[in-house]
Amino acid sequence: MTKAELIEILEERPFRPILLHMTNGRKHEIRHPENAIVADDHMALLAVRDGEEVIRIVSLPHVTETEPLPSATA
């Protein structure tokens, strides 16, 4: 996935939460656009694991697809 494609998804309003699918089989949720920072080849994600906030660095070429998630208000 390219930087431009991800930025376009994150800038949609109203924002729709998404699930990123990775080449290694992992999945990452983005529930708020403010929780993702997109650089040229990587993206930093704020995630919650075991009740703690953690930063995950994701390589954009390894994002295979995005999938819409139900919004918090749905």
PDB file of N, CA and C in Angstrom:
ATOM      1  N   MET A   1       0.850  -1.165   0.000  1.00  0.00           N
ATOM      2  CA  MET A   1       0.000   0.000   0.000  1.00  0.00           C
ATOM      3  C   MET A   1       0.898   1.230   0.000  1.00  0.00           C
ATOM      4  N   THR A   2       0.445   2.276  -0.663  1.00  0.00           N
ATOM      5  CA  THR A   2       1.266   3.475  -0.750  1.00  0.00           C
ATOM      6  C   THR A   2       0.906   4.483   0.335  1.00  0.00           C
ATOM      7  N   LYS A   3       1.819   5.409   0.551  1.00  0.00           N
ATOM      8  CA  LYS A   3       1.605   6.487   1.507  1.00  0.00           C
ATOM      9  C   LYS A   3       0.348   7.274   1.127  1.00  0.00           C
ATOM     10  N   ALA A   4       0.209   7.607  -0.146  1.00  0.00           N
ATOM     11  CA  ALA A   4      -0.935   8.398  -0.605  1.00  0.00           C
ATOM     12  C   ALA A   4      -2.259   7.676  -0.354  1.00  0.00           C
ATOM     13  N   GLU A   5      -2.292   6.366  -0.590  1.00  0.00           N
ATOM     14  CA  GLU A   5      -3.521   5.598  -0.362  1.00  0.00           C
ATOM     15  C   GLU A   5      -3.925   5.614   1.112  1.00  0.00           C
ATOM     16  N   LEU A   6      -2.963   5.415   1.995  1.00  0.00           N
ATOM     17  CA  LEU A   6      -3.273   5.410   3.426  1.00  0.00           C
ATOM     18  C   LEU A   6      -3.683   6.798   3.924  1.00  0.00           C
ATOM     19  N   ILE A   7      -3.007   7.826   3.454  1.00  0.00           N
ATOM     20  CA  ILE A   7      -3.383   9.182   3.854  1.00  0.00           C
ATOM     21  C   ILE A   7      -4.806   9.486   3.402  1.00  0.00           C
ATOM     22  N   GLU A   8      -5.138   9.086   2.205  1.00  0.00           N
ATOM     23  CA  GLU A   8      -6.499   9.304   1.698  1.00  0.00           C
ATOM     24  C   GLU A   8      -7.535   8.627   2.598  1.00  0.00           C
ATOM     25  N   ILE A   9      -7.273   7.402   3.005  1.00  0.00           N
ATOM     26  CA  ILE A   9      -8.189   6.673   3.895  1.00  0.00           C
ATOM     27  C   ILE A   9      -8.298   7.385   5.241  1.00  0.00           C
ATOM     28  N   LEU A  10      -7.167   7.820   5.794  1.00  0.00           N
ATOM     29  CA  LEU A  10      -7.159   8.463   7.108  1.00  0.00           C
ATOM     30  C   LEU A  10      -7.804   9.852   7.092  1.00  0.00           C
ATOM     31  N   GLU A  11      -7.822  10.495   5.931  1.00  0.00           N
ATOM     32  CA  GLU A  11      -8.393  11.843   5.835  1.00  0.00           C
ATOM     33  C   GLU A  11      -9.881  11.848   5.483  1.00  0.00           C
ATOM     34  N   GLU A  12     -10.458  10.683   5.184  1.00  0.00           N
ATOM     35  CA  GLU A  12     -11.890  10.630   4.876  1.00  0.00           C
ATOM     36  C   GLU A  12     -12.691  11.132   6.061  1.00  0.00           C
ATOM     37  N   ARG A  13     -13.730  11.911   5.784  1.00  0.00           N
ATOM     38  CA  ARG A  13     -14.636  12.381   6.830  1.00  0.00           C
ATOM     39  C   ARG A  13     -16.061  12.113   6.390  1.00  0.00           C
ATOM     40  N   PRO A  14     -16.854  11.502   7.194  1.00  0.00           N
ATOM     41  CA  PRO A  14     -16.460  11.025   8.516  1.00  0.00           C
ATOM     42  C   PRO A  14     -15.492   9.843   8.390  1.00  0.00           C
ATOM     43  N   PHE A  15     -14.571   9.767   9.343  1.00  0.00           N
ATOM     44  CA  PHE A  15     -13.588   8.684   9.344  1.00  0.00           C
ATOM     45  C   PHE A  15     -14.271   7.373   9.677  1.00  0.00           C
ATOM     46  N   ARG A  16     -13.909   6.331   8.937  1.00  0.00           N
ATOM     47  CA  ARG A  16     -14.398   4.985   9.221  1.00  0.00           C
ATOM     48  C   ARG A  16     -13.231   4.146   9.717  1.00  0.00           C
ATOM     49  N   PRO A  17     -13.346   3.550  10.899  1.00  0.00           N
ATOM     50  CA  PRO A  17     -12.260   2.712  11.426  1.00  0.00           C
ATOM     51  C   PRO A  17     -11.891   1.605  10.430  1.00  0.00           C
ATOM     52  N   ILE A  18     -10.610   1.255  10.399  1.00  0.00           N
ATOM     53  CA  ILE A  18     -10.139   0.240   9.459  1.00  0.00           C
ATOM     54  C   ILE A  18      -9.267  -0.796  10.160  1.00  0.00           C
ATOM     55  N   LEU A  19      -9.156  -1.932   9.501  1.00  0.00           N
ATOM     56  CA  LEU A  19      -8.271  -3.007   9.929  1.00  0.00           C
ATOM     57  C   LEU A  19      -7.230  -3.182   8.835  1.00  0.00           C
ATOM     58  N   LEU A  20      -5.947  -3.085   9.216  1.00  0.00           N
ATOM     59  CA  LEU A  20      -4.860  -3.307   8.265  1.00  0.00           C
ATOM     60  C   LEU A  20      -4.469  -4.778   8.298  1.00  0.00           C
ATOM     61  N   HIS A  21      -4.361  -5.399   7.139  1.00  0.00           N
ATOM     62  CA  HIS A  21      -3.894  -6.782   7.020  1.00  0.00           C
ATOM     63  C   HIS A  21      -2.441  -6.724   6.537  1.00  0.00           C
ATOM     64  N   MET A  22      -1.561  -7.467   7.202  1.00  0.00           N
ATOM     65  CA  MET A  22      -0.137  -7.452   6.897  1.00  0.00           C
ATOM     66  C   MET A  22       0.296  -8.758   6.218  1.00  0.00           C
ATOM     67  N   THR A  23       1.435  -8.711   5.533  1.00  0.00           N
ATOM     68  CA  THR A  23       1.941  -9.900   4.844  1.00  0.00           C
ATOM     69  C   THR A  23       2.274 -11.030   5.808  1.00  0.00           C
ATOM     70  N   ASN A  24       2.594 -10.714   7.073  1.00  0.00           N
ATOM     71  CA  ASN A  24       2.935 -11.751   8.046  1.00  0.00           C
ATOM     72  C   ASN A  24       1.705 -12.313   8.764  1.00  0.00           C
ATOM     73  N   GLY A  25       0.508 -11.879   8.339  1.00  0.00           N
ATOM     74  CA  GLY A  25      -0.721 -12.385   8.936  1.00  0.00           C
ATOM     75  C   GLY A  25      -1.252 -11.544  10.091  1.00  0.00           C
ATOM     76  N   ARG A  26      -0.461 -10.625  10.588  1.00  0.00           N
ATOM     77  CA  ARG A  26      -0.930  -9.757  11.673  1.00  0.00           C
ATOM     78  C   ARG A  26      -1.986  -8.792  11.155  1.00  0.00           C
ATOM     79  N   LYS A  27      -2.774  -8.291  12.089  1.00  0.00           N
ATOM     80  CA  LYS A  27      -3.796  -7.299  11.772  1.00  0.00           C
ATOM     81  C   LYS A  27      -3.678  -6.172  12.786  1.00  0.00           C
ATOM     82  N   HIS A  28      -3.886  -4.952  12.330  1.00  0.00           N
ATOM     83  CA  HIS A  28      -3.810  -3.775  13.194  1.00  0.00           C
ATOM     84  C   HIS A  28      -5.051  -2.931  12.986  1.00  0.00           C
ATOM     85  N   GLU A  29      -5.717  -2.585  14.076  1.00  0.00           N
ATOM     86  CA  GLU A  29      -6.893  -1.720  14.011  1.00  0.00           C
ATOM     87  C   GLU A  29      -6.475  -0.262  14.084  1.00  0.00           C
ATOM     88  N   ILE A  30      -7.148   0.562  13.292  1.00  0.00           N
ATOM     89  CA  ILE A  30      -7.029   2.014  13.416  1.00  0.00           C
ATOM     90  C   ILE A  30      -8.446   2.515  13.659  1.00  0.00           C
ATOM     91  N   ARG A  31      -8.728   2.860  14.899  1.00  0.00           N
ATOM     92  CA  ARG A  31     -10.071   3.318  15.286  1.00  0.00           C
ATOM     93  C   ARG A  31     -10.221   4.830  15.216  1.00  0.00           C
ATOM     94  N   HIS A  32      -9.081   5.554  15.252  1.00  0.00           N
ATOM     95  CA  HIS A  32      -9.097   7.011  15.172  1.00  0.00           C
ATOM     96  C   HIS A  32      -7.950   7.442  14.262  1.00  0.00           C
ATOM     97  N   PRO A  33      -8.177   8.377  13.342  1.00  0.00           N
ATOM     98  CA  PRO A  33      -7.107   8.775  12.420  1.00  0.00           C
ATOM     99  C   PRO A  33      -5.921   9.415  13.134  1.00  0.00           C
ATOM    100  N   GLU A  34      -6.150   9.976  14.321  1.00  0.00           N
ATOM    101  CA  GLU A  34      -5.061  10.587  15.085  1.00  0.00           C
ATOM    102  C   GLU A  34      -4.090   9.547  15.642  1.00  0.00           C
ATOM    103  N   ASN A  35      -4.462   8.271  15.572  1.00  0.00           N
ATOM    104  CA  ASN A  35      -3.620   7.199  16.105  1.00  0.00           C
ATOM    105  C   ASN A  35      -2.660   6.626  15.075  1.00  0.00           C
ATOM    106  N   ALA A  36      -2.534   7.298  13.929  1.00  0.00           N
ATOM    107  CA  ALA A  36      -1.633   6.819  12.882  1.00  0.00           C
ATOM    108  C   ALA A  36      -0.859   7.997  12.296  1.00  0.00           C
ATOM    109  N   ILE A  37       0.449   7.822  12.153  1.00  0.00           N
ATOM    110  CA  ILE A  37       1.296   8.813  11.501  1.00  0.00           C
ATOM    111  C   ILE A  37       1.966   8.110  10.327  1.00  0.00           C
ATOM    112  N   VAL A  38       1.725   8.623   9.127  1.00  0.00           N
ATOM    113  CA  VAL A  38       2.234   7.989   7.912  1.00  0.00           C
ATOM    114  C   VAL A  38       3.481   8.719   7.433  1.00  0.00           C
ATOM    115  N   ALA A  39       4.559   7.967   7.233  1.00  0.00           N
ATOM    116  CA  ALA A  39       5.802   8.483   6.659  1.00  0.00           C
ATOM    117  C   ALA A  39       5.951   7.895   5.258  1.00  0.00           C
ATOM    118  N   ASP A  40       7.105   8.059   4.646  1.00  0.00           N
ATOM    119  CA  ASP A  40       7.286   7.582   3.274  1.00  0.00           C
ATOM    120  C   ASP A  40       7.100   6.078   3.128  1.00  0.00           C
ATOM    121  N   ASP A  41       7.753   5.291   3.966  1.00  0.00           N
ATOM    122  CA  ASP A  41       7.704   3.835   3.840  1.00  0.00           C
ATOM    123  C   ASP A  41       7.163   3.123   5.065  1.00  0.00           C
ATOM    124  N   HIS A  42       6.858   3.882   6.133  1.00  0.00           N
ATOM    125  CA  HIS A  42       6.413   3.284   7.389  1.00  0.00           C
ATOM    126  C   HIS A  42       5.254   4.077   7.965  1.00  0.00           C
ATOM    127  N   MET A  43       4.607   3.490   8.932  1.00  0.00           N
ATOM    128  CA  MET A  43       3.536   4.151   9.652  1.00  0.00           C
ATOM    129  C   MET A  43       3.681   3.798  11.122  1.00  0.00           C
ATOM    130  N   ALA A  44       3.504   4.791  11.981  1.00  0.00           N
ATOM    131  CA  ALA A  44       3.494   4.562  13.426  1.00  0.00           C
ATOM    132  C   ALA A  44       2.045   4.501  13.876  1.00  0.00           C
ATOM    133  N   LEU A  45       1.695   3.455  14.627  1.00  0.00           N
ATOM    134  CA  LEU A  45       0.334   3.262  15.114  1.00  0.00           C
ATOM    135  C   LEU A  45       0.320   3.241  16.623  1.00  0.00           C
ATOM    136  N   LEU A  46      -0.637   3.923  17.209  1.00  0.00           N
ATOM    137  CA  LEU A  46      -0.861   3.830  18.644  1.00  0.00           C
ATOM    138  C   LEU A  46      -1.871   2.717  18.854  1.00  0.00           C
ATOM    139  N   ALA A  47      -1.473   1.707  19.590  1.00  0.00           N
ATOM    140  CA  ALA A  47      -2.339   0.553  19.836  1.00  0.00           C
ATOM    141  C   ALA A  47      -2.460   0.312  21.333  1.00  0.00           C
ATOM    142  N   VAL A  48      -3.492  -0.412  21.718  1.00  0.00           N
ATOM    143  CA  VAL A  48      -3.667  -0.799  23.112  1.00  0.00           C
ATOM    144  C   VAL A  48      -3.502  -2.311  23.196  1.00  0.00           C
ATOM    145  N   ARG A  49      -2.527  -2.750  23.978  1.00  0.00           N
ATOM    146  CA  ARG A  49      -2.261  -4.176  24.180  1.00  0.00           C
ATOM    147  C   ARG A  49      -2.236  -4.437  25.680  1.00  0.00           C
ATOM    148  N   ASP A  50      -3.064  -5.352  26.126  1.00  0.00           N
ATOM    149  CA  ASP A  50      -3.125  -5.704  27.548  1.00  0.00           C
ATOM    150  C   ASP A  50      -3.326  -4.468  28.429  1.00  0.00           C
ATOM    151  N   GLY A  51      -4.155  -3.552  27.956  1.00  0.00           N
ATOM    152  CA  GLY A  51      -4.481  -2.372  28.736  1.00  0.00           C
ATOM    153  C   GLY A  51      -3.451  -1.257  28.700  1.00  0.00           C
ATOM    154  N   GLU A  52      -2.367  -1.439  27.968  1.00  0.00           N
ATOM    155  CA  GLU A  52      -1.323  -0.420  27.878  1.00  0.00           C
ATOM    156  C   GLU A  52      -1.199   0.088  26.452  1.00  0.00           C
ATOM    157  N   GLU A  53      -0.932   1.387  26.325  1.00  0.00           N
ATOM    158  CA  GLU A  53      -0.709   1.966  25.011  1.00  0.00           C
ATOM    159  C   GLU A  53       0.702   1.640  24.546  1.00  0.00           C
ATOM    160  N   VAL A  54       0.808   1.191  23.309  1.00  0.00           N
ATOM    161  CA  VAL A  54       2.104   0.870  22.707  1.00  0.00           C
ATOM    162  C   VAL A  54       2.147   1.469  21.301  1.00  0.00           C
ATOM    163  N   ILE A  55       3.359   1.718  20.829  1.00  0.00           N
ATOM    164  CA  ILE A  55       3.559   2.207  19.475  1.00  0.00           C
ATOM    165  C   ILE A  55       4.018   1.034  18.615  1.00  0.00           C
ATOM    166  N   ARG A  56       3.357   0.861  17.488  1.00  0.00           N
ATOM    167  CA  ARG A  56       3.751  -0.166  16.523  1.00  0.00           C
ATOM    168  C   ARG A  56       4.229   0.536  15.263  1.00  0.00           C
ATOM    169  N   ILE A  57       5.353   0.101  14.714  1.00  0.00           N
ATOM    170  CA  ILE A  57       5.854   0.623  13.451  1.00  0.00           C
ATOM    171  C   ILE A  57       5.540  -0.404  12.371  1.00  0.00           C
ATOM    172  N   VAL A  58       4.849   0.035  11.333  1.00  0.00           N
ATOM    173  CA  VAL A  58       4.384  -0.849  10.268  1.00  0.00           C
ATOM    174  C   VAL A  58       5.042  -0.423   8.954  1.00  0.00           C
ATOM    175  N   SER A  59       5.544  -1.377   8.207  1.00  0.00           N
ATOM    176  CA  SER A  59       6.127  -1.111   6.897  1.00  0.00           C
ATOM    177  C   SER A  59       5.006  -1.068   5.857  1.00  0.00           C
ATOM    178  N   LEU A  60       4.866   0.058   5.159  1.00  0.00           N
ATOM    179  CA  LEU A  60       3.768   0.212   4.209  1.00  0.00           C
ATOM    180  C   LEU A  60       3.752  -0.846   3.104  1.00  0.00           C
ATOM    181  N   PRO A  61       4.911  -1.253   2.563  1.00  0.00           N
ATOM    182  CA  PRO A  61       4.854  -2.294   1.530  1.00  0.00           C
ATOM    183  C   PRO A  61       4.292  -3.630   2.040  1.00  0.00           C
ATOM    184  N   HIS A  62       4.233  -3.808   3.360  1.00  0.00           N
ATOM    185  CA  HIS A  62       3.720  -5.050   3.922  1.00  0.00           C
ATOM    186  C   HIS A  62       2.236  -4.992   4.274  1.00  0.00           C
ATOM    187  N   VAL A  63       1.598  -3.857   4.010  1.00  0.00           N
ATOM    188  CA  VAL A  63       0.144  -3.771   4.185  1.00  0.00           C
ATOM    189  C   VAL A  63      -0.486  -4.345   2.921  1.00  0.00           C
ATOM    190  N   THR A  64      -1.217  -5.449   3.076  1.00  0.00           N
ATOM    191  CA  THR A  64      -1.798  -6.106   1.905  1.00  0.00           C
ATOM    192  C   THR A  64      -3.186  -5.606   1.561  1.00  0.00           C
ATOM    193  N   GLU A  65      -3.944  -5.191   2.576  1.00  0.00           N
ATOM    194  CA  GLU A  65      -5.281  -4.662   2.328  1.00  0.00           C
ATOM    195  C   GLU A  65      -5.795  -3.938   3.564  1.00  0.00           C
ATOM    196  N   THR A  66      -6.840  -3.159   3.361  1.00  0.00           N
ATOM    197  CA  THR A  66      -7.540  -2.523   4.464  1.00  0.00           C
ATOM    198  C   THR A  66      -8.983  -3.000   4.430  1.00  0.00           C
ATOM    199  N   GLU A  67      -9.575  -3.082   5.593  1.00  0.00           N
ATOM    200  CA  GLU A  67     -10.950  -3.557   5.716  1.00  0.00           C
ATOM    201  C   GLU A  67     -11.691  -2.617   6.660  1.00  0.00           C
ATOM    202  N   PRO A  68     -12.891  -2.162   6.287  1.00  0.00           N
ATOM    203  CA  PRO A  68     -13.629  -1.298   7.210  1.00  0.00           C
ATOM    204  C   PRO A  68     -14.055  -2.059   8.452  1.00  0.00           C
ATOM    205  N   LEU A  69     -14.007  -1.370   9.588  1.00  0.00           N
ATOM    206  CA  LEU A  69     -14.477  -1.924  10.859  1.00  0.00           C
ATOM    207  C   LEU A  69     -15.752  -1.188  11.257  1.00  0.00           C
ATOM    208  N   PRO A  70     -16.579  -1.817  12.093  1.00  0.00           N
ATOM    209  CA  PRO A  70     -17.740  -1.088  12.593  1.00  0.00           C
ATOM    210  C   PRO A  70     -17.280   0.113  13.416  1.00  0.00           C
ATOM    211  N   SER A  71     -17.949   1.228  13.260  1.00  0.00           N
ATOM    212  CA  SER A  71     -17.574   2.417  14.034  1.00  0.00           C
ATOM    213  C   SER A  71     -18.034   2.254  15.472  1.00  0.00           C
ATOM    214  N   ALA A  72     -17.483   3.054  16.363  1.00  0.00           N
ATOM    215  CA  ALA A  72     -17.812   2.978  17.780  1.00  0.00           C
ATOM    216  C   ALA A  72     -19.272   3.339  18.025  1.00  0.00           C
ATOM    217  N   THR A  73     -19.854   4.131  17.119  1.00  0.00           N
ATOM    218  CA  THR A  73     -21.245   4.555  17.294  1.00  0.00           C
ATOM    219  C   THR A  73     -22.237   3.610  16.633  1.00  0.00           C
ATOM    220  N   ALA A  74     -21.731   2.620  15.903  1.00  0.00           N
ATOM    221  CA  ALA A  74     -22.631   1.682  15.198  1.00  0.00           C
ATOM    222  C   ALA A  74     -23.198   0.657  16.157  1.00  0.00           C
TER     223      ALA A  74
END
